[in-house]
Structure formats: C-alpha cells, structure tokens
Amino acid sequence: MLLIFICFLTGCKEYASNHSPQIKNGIQMSKRMKIDELKSSLEKLENGQTEFEFIGITSNGEDCIYFVIEEGKFSIEYEAIIENQIAFLDKLKDFSKLNNLETELRTYNNKAQYKSNQPAPVLRIKAKANIDEIAILGESIQNRIFNNSKETTYDIVP
C-alpha cells in the first residue's frame, strides 16, 4: 500500500512539472493512448497485468484521474497536488452528485505543492462500477470536467 502512495505522489505531479512525451536518456517516458483505448487498459488492471494496483491517465498533468479497484469494482480518484488542481475537486464533487455517485475525501499524506498545512486532498468517486461503466465515466469526466475530446492523447501513469 505504501508503494501506491508513493506512486500517487510522483505520478501526475511529476508529469505536471517535467513531462516530455519523448524518449529521455534512452527511457520511454510513458505509454500513450486515446480515450477509446481506456477499456483495454482497465482490463489489464483488472487482470493484474499492470505494475501497480491502479492506473492513471492524463493529457496535461492537471486532468489526472486514477482508476482503482476495490472489492472487485472500479472507482476513480483525483488528487490535488498542484494549486491548479484544487478547483477541480468541487467540479468533480458536483459532477458526482449530479450522477448519483458517492464521494469520499481522503489523503495519501502527499505534500501539496502549494501553501497548505494539510496533505494534498484526494477525492474518491465511489462508482462501484464494472469495466464498461468506469470507461464511460472516465471519458465523461475527461470531457465534461477537463474539456478533453475523443482526439485527446493521454499518458498512462505510472
């Protein structure tokens, strides 16, 4: 579980400050995909074929959402590490309420990169969804909250 917390800390935060979708020092930075490929990535997660117990997608570091499995069902998490991400917490809460989805505010005790006496907040959208439902929900969040389109290219993190 500690490894998950570390990955949350470095995943999109690292992307937001240092991302380059190229090969750097001989190392490929990340896999890229369009939103219509999300379902196949989620299937790999469900089948234990990913490096960690979650995957995230982001096009710019601010729109990073993580897909997690809890008791065999998918949920989505969003962590506000950088200041620009804070406003999206309320937008995601409102979106969830409109879609009758329960949310929970938590933290992985990662340090926020803005003035705060508290660790970075994480909003979990407790979708309790299957792969098809969570893929649709993920696409809807990327479109409605972050204004991304079907043509947006995402990096898979970590």
Foldseek 3Di string as FASTA:
>chain_A
DLVVLVQVQCKLVVCQVPDDCCQDPNHGPFDKDFLVCQLVVVVCLLVVNDPDQKKWKDQRSLLIKIWHDDPNFIKIKDWQQEPVNPVLVVVVVVVLVVVVWDKDKDASQHCRPDDDPGRIIMIIGRPRHDSVVVSVVSQCCCCVRVVDDSPRMIGMGD
